[in-house]
Amino acid sequence: MKQPSELLIGTAFAVALLLVMASPEAQESRDSNVPPATAAKQAAEIARGDPPRWYHEDRTLQARLRTLHKEIGAGLQEAQGACRSLPAAERGACLREARAAYQRDMAGARAQAMQDMAQR
């Protein structure tokens, strides 16, 4: 069963993915769909290996909140990349929805982090 934080983090990306897949010009996910700055950041992270957070739980509320912020931000970047692959007529609405989902997720991040810490 997914943790509530996993559901929260994927909101922005899921919305963008649904919009992309609903498009008649839907493209399969490829590295070429990733913005160059994001691709460079991903390559640097891959070169460093798996992040420690994959193997160690966040021990403090602040650490959990930092992780949530990073993951929500990454979801926004992925959603924006997916939106940019849409036709111009649909792109603006997709980007607005991605930003709105990001803002909702960030607004709920502290409560989510507190809930995650209470469940441990």
C-alpha atoms as a PDB file:
ATOM      1  CA  MET A   1       0.000   0.000   0.000  1.00  0.00           C
ATOM      2  CA  LYS A   2       1.305   3.444  -0.908  1.00  0.00           C
ATOM      3  CA  GLN A   3       2.092   5.914   1.834  1.00  0.00           C
ATOM      4  CA  PRO A   4       0.062   9.147   1.831  1.00  0.00           C
ATOM      5  CA  SER A   5       3.206  11.104   0.949  1.00  0.00           C
ATOM      6  CA  GLU A   6       3.695   9.031  -2.210  1.00  0.00           C
ATOM      7  CA  LEU A   7       0.181   9.928  -3.291  1.00  0.00           C
ATOM      8  CA  LEU A   8       0.722  13.635  -2.572  1.00  0.00           C
ATOM      9  CA  ILE A   9       4.023  13.845  -4.433  1.00  0.00           C
ATOM     10  CA  GLY A  10       2.688  12.400  -7.636  1.00  0.00           C
ATOM     11  CA  THR A  11      -0.218  14.813  -7.957  1.00  0.00           C
ATOM     12  CA  ALA A  12       1.449  17.374 -10.246  1.00  0.00           C
ATOM     13  CA  PHE A  13       3.008  14.741 -12.444  1.00  0.00           C
ATOM     14  CA  ALA A  14      -0.182  12.683 -12.640  1.00  0.00           C
ATOM     15  CA  VAL A  15      -2.236  15.674 -13.764  1.00  0.00           C
ATOM     16  CA  ALA A  16       0.252  16.549 -16.484  1.00  0.00           C
ATOM     17  CA  LEU A  17       0.518  12.936 -17.569  1.00  0.00           C
ATOM     18  CA  LEU A  18      -3.258  12.651 -17.874  1.00  0.00           C
ATOM     19  CA  LEU A  19      -3.373  15.800 -19.972  1.00  0.00           C
ATOM     20  CA  VAL A  20      -0.564  14.559 -22.207  1.00  0.00           C
ATOM     21  CA  MET A  21      -2.113  11.124 -22.650  1.00  0.00           C
ATOM     22  CA  ALA A  22      -5.497  12.652 -23.460  1.00  0.00           C
ATOM     23  CA  SER A  23      -3.886  14.597 -26.279  1.00  0.00           C
ATOM     24  CA  PRO A  24      -4.197  13.057 -29.727  1.00  0.00           C
ATOM     25  CA  GLU A  25      -0.533  13.884 -30.233  1.00  0.00           C
ATOM     26  CA  ALA A  26       0.482  12.023 -27.050  1.00  0.00           C
ATOM     27  CA  GLN A  27       4.119  11.016 -27.177  1.00  0.00           C
ATOM     28  CA  GLU A  28       5.824   8.206 -25.360  1.00  0.00           C
ATOM     29  CA  SER A  29       8.183   9.263 -22.592  1.00  0.00           C
ATOM     30  CA  ARG A  30      11.729   9.694 -23.856  1.00  0.00           C
ATOM     31  CA  ASP A  31      14.843  11.374 -22.605  1.00  0.00           C
ATOM     32  CA  SER A  32      14.341  13.937 -25.360  1.00  0.00           C
ATOM     33  CA  ASN A  33      11.179  15.111 -23.533  1.00  0.00           C
ATOM     34  CA  VAL A  34      13.221  16.078 -20.463  1.00  0.00           C
ATOM     35  CA  PRO A  35      14.361  19.718 -20.353  1.00  0.00           C
ATOM     36  CA  PRO A  36      18.175  20.004 -20.773  1.00  0.00           C
ATOM     37  CA  ALA A  37      18.713  21.477 -17.289  1.00  0.00           C
ATOM     38  CA  THR A  38      16.729  18.642 -15.708  1.00  0.00           C
ATOM     39  CA  ALA A  39      18.592  16.036 -17.783  1.00  0.00           C
ATOM     40  CA  ALA A  40      21.941  17.445 -16.613  1.00  0.00           C
ATOM     41  CA  LYS A  41      20.800  17.398 -12.984  1.00  0.00           C
ATOM     42  CA  GLN A  42      19.530  13.822 -13.342  1.00  0.00           C
ATOM     43  CA  ALA A  43      22.834  12.710 -14.905  1.00  0.00           C
ATOM     44  CA  ALA A  44      24.785  14.221 -12.005  1.00  0.00           C
ATOM     45  CA  GLU A  45      22.507  12.506  -9.471  1.00  0.00           C
ATOM     46  CA  ILE A  46      22.816   9.150 -11.262  1.00  0.00           C
ATOM     47  CA  ALA A  47      26.611   9.494 -11.253  1.00  0.00           C
ATOM     48  CA  ARG A  48      26.542   9.943  -7.457  1.00  0.00           C
ATOM     49  CA  GLY A  49      24.477   6.782  -7.027  1.00  0.00           C
ATOM     50  CA  ASP A  50      21.234   6.206  -5.153  1.00  0.00           C
ATOM     51  CA  PRO A  51      20.315   9.009  -2.749  1.00  0.00           C
ATOM     52  CA  PRO A  52      20.581   8.063   0.933  1.00  0.00           C
ATOM     53  CA  ARG A  53      16.912   8.921   1.467  1.00  0.00           C
ATOM     54  CA  TRP A  54      16.027   5.767  -0.445  1.00  0.00           C
ATOM     55  CA  TYR A  55      17.537   3.675   2.328  1.00  0.00           C
ATOM     56  CA  HIS A  56      17.191   5.812   5.452  1.00  0.00           C
ATOM     57  CA  GLU A  57      14.038   7.281   6.862  1.00  0.00           C
ATOM     58  CA  ASP A  58      13.973  10.968   7.626  1.00  0.00           C
ATOM     59  CA  ARG A  59      14.506  11.224  11.367  1.00  0.00           C
ATOM     60  CA  THR A  60      13.222  14.747  11.914  1.00  0.00           C
ATOM     61  CA  LEU A  61      10.269  16.771  10.723  1.00  0.00           C
ATOM     62  CA  GLN A  62      12.630  19.214   9.003  1.00  0.00           C
ATOM     63  CA  ALA A  63      14.387  16.404   7.123  1.00  0.00           C
ATOM     64  CA  ARG A  64      11.062  14.938   5.996  1.00  0.00           C
ATOM     65  CA  LEU A  65       9.873  18.372   4.883  1.00  0.00           C
ATOM     66  CA  ARG A  66      13.082  18.916   2.861  1.00  0.00           C
ATOM     67  CA  THR A  67      12.569  15.562   1.150  1.00  0.00           C
ATOM     68  CA  LEU A  68       8.931  16.365   0.367  1.00  0.00           C
ATOM     69  CA  HIS A  69       9.879  19.776  -1.047  1.00  0.00           C
ATOM     70  CA  LYS A  70      12.529  18.198  -3.277  1.00  0.00           C
ATOM     71  CA  GLU A  71      10.136  15.514  -4.516  1.00  0.00           C
ATOM     72  CA  ILE A  72       7.277  17.957  -5.112  1.00  0.00           C
ATOM     73  CA  GLY A  73       9.657  20.234  -7.034  1.00  0.00           C
ATOM     74  CA  ALA A  74      10.853  17.290  -9.139  1.00  0.00           C
ATOM     75  CA  GLY A  75       7.224  16.408  -9.867  1.00  0.00           C
ATOM     76  CA  LEU A  76       6.627  19.967 -11.076  1.00  0.00           C
ATOM     77  CA  GLN A  77       9.649  19.811 -13.381  1.00  0.00           C
ATOM     78  CA  GLU A  78       8.472  16.536 -14.876  1.00  0.00           C
ATOM     79  CA  ALA A  79       4.940  17.874 -15.311  1.00  0.00           C
ATOM     80  CA  GLN A  80       6.239  21.015 -17.015  1.00  0.00           C
ATOM     81  CA  GLY A  81       8.349  18.911 -19.360  1.00  0.00           C
ATOM     82  CA  ALA A  82       5.291  16.839 -20.245  1.00  0.00           C
ATOM     83  CA  CYS A  83       3.228  19.984 -20.785  1.00  0.00           C
ATOM     84  CA  ARG A  84       5.831  21.430 -23.139  1.00  0.00           C
ATOM     85  CA  SER A  85       5.366  18.446 -25.442  1.00  0.00           C
ATOM     86  CA  LEU A  86       1.690  19.360 -25.962  1.00  0.00           C
ATOM     87  CA  PRO A  87       0.422  21.502 -28.824  1.00  0.00           C
ATOM     88  CA  ALA A  88       0.581  25.225 -28.085  1.00  0.00           C
ATOM     89  CA  ALA A  89      -3.202  25.464 -27.718  1.00  0.00           C
ATOM     90  CA  GLU A  90      -3.158  23.013 -24.788  1.00  0.00           C
ATOM     91  CA  ARG A  91       0.187  23.917 -23.245  1.00  0.00           C
ATOM     92  CA  GLY A  92      -0.932  26.948 -21.238  1.00  0.00           C
ATOM     93  CA  ALA A  93      -3.748  25.123 -19.453  1.00  0.00           C
ATOM     94  CA  CYS A  94      -1.475  22.183 -18.705  1.00  0.00           C
ATOM     95  CA  LEU A  95       1.230  24.439 -17.240  1.00  0.00           C
ATOM     96  CA  ARG A  96      -1.339  26.322 -15.142  1.00  0.00           C
ATOM     97  CA  GLU A  97      -2.683  23.045 -13.748  1.00  0.00           C
ATOM     98  CA  ALA A  98       0.839  21.785 -13.041  1.00  0.00           C
ATOM     99  CA  ARG A  99       1.650  24.991 -11.112  1.00  0.00           C
ATOM    100  CA  ALA A 100      -1.667  24.799  -9.222  1.00  0.00           C
ATOM    101  CA  ALA A 101      -0.984  21.169  -8.261  1.00  0.00           C
ATOM    102  CA  TYR A 102       2.524  22.166  -7.143  1.00  0.00           C
ATOM    103  CA  GLN A 103       1.114  24.970  -4.982  1.00  0.00           C
ATOM    104  CA  ARG A 104      -1.471  22.618  -3.445  1.00  0.00           C
ATOM    105  CA  ASP A 105       1.186  20.019  -2.714  1.00  0.00           C
ATOM    106  CA  MET A 106       3.564  22.581  -1.203  1.00  0.00           C
ATOM    107  CA  ALA A 107       0.770  24.050   0.925  1.00  0.00           C
ATOM    108  CA  GLY A 108       0.035  20.600   2.326  1.00  0.00           C
ATOM    109  CA  ALA A 109       3.667  19.514   2.686  1.00  0.00           C
ATOM    110  CA  ARG A 110       4.057  20.438   6.379  1.00  0.00           C
ATOM    111  CA  ALA A 111       0.862  18.614   7.331  1.00  0.00           C
ATOM    112  CA  GLN A 112       1.945  15.630   5.238  1.00  0.00           C
ATOM    113  CA  ALA A 113       5.380  15.578   6.864  1.00  0.00           C
ATOM    114  CA  MET A 114       3.805  15.709  10.309  1.00  0.00           C
ATOM    115  CA  GLN A 115       1.460  12.874   9.416  1.00  0.00           C
ATOM    116  CA  ASP A 116       4.335  10.796   8.031  1.00  0.00           C
ATOM    117  CA  MET A 117       6.358  11.312  11.216  1.00  0.00           C
ATOM    118  CA  ALA A 118       3.389  10.394  13.413  1.00  0.00           C
ATOM    119  CA  GLN A 119       2.964   7.093  11.566  1.00  0.00           C
ATOM    120  CA  ARG A 120       6.473   5.947  12.494  1.00  0.00           C
END
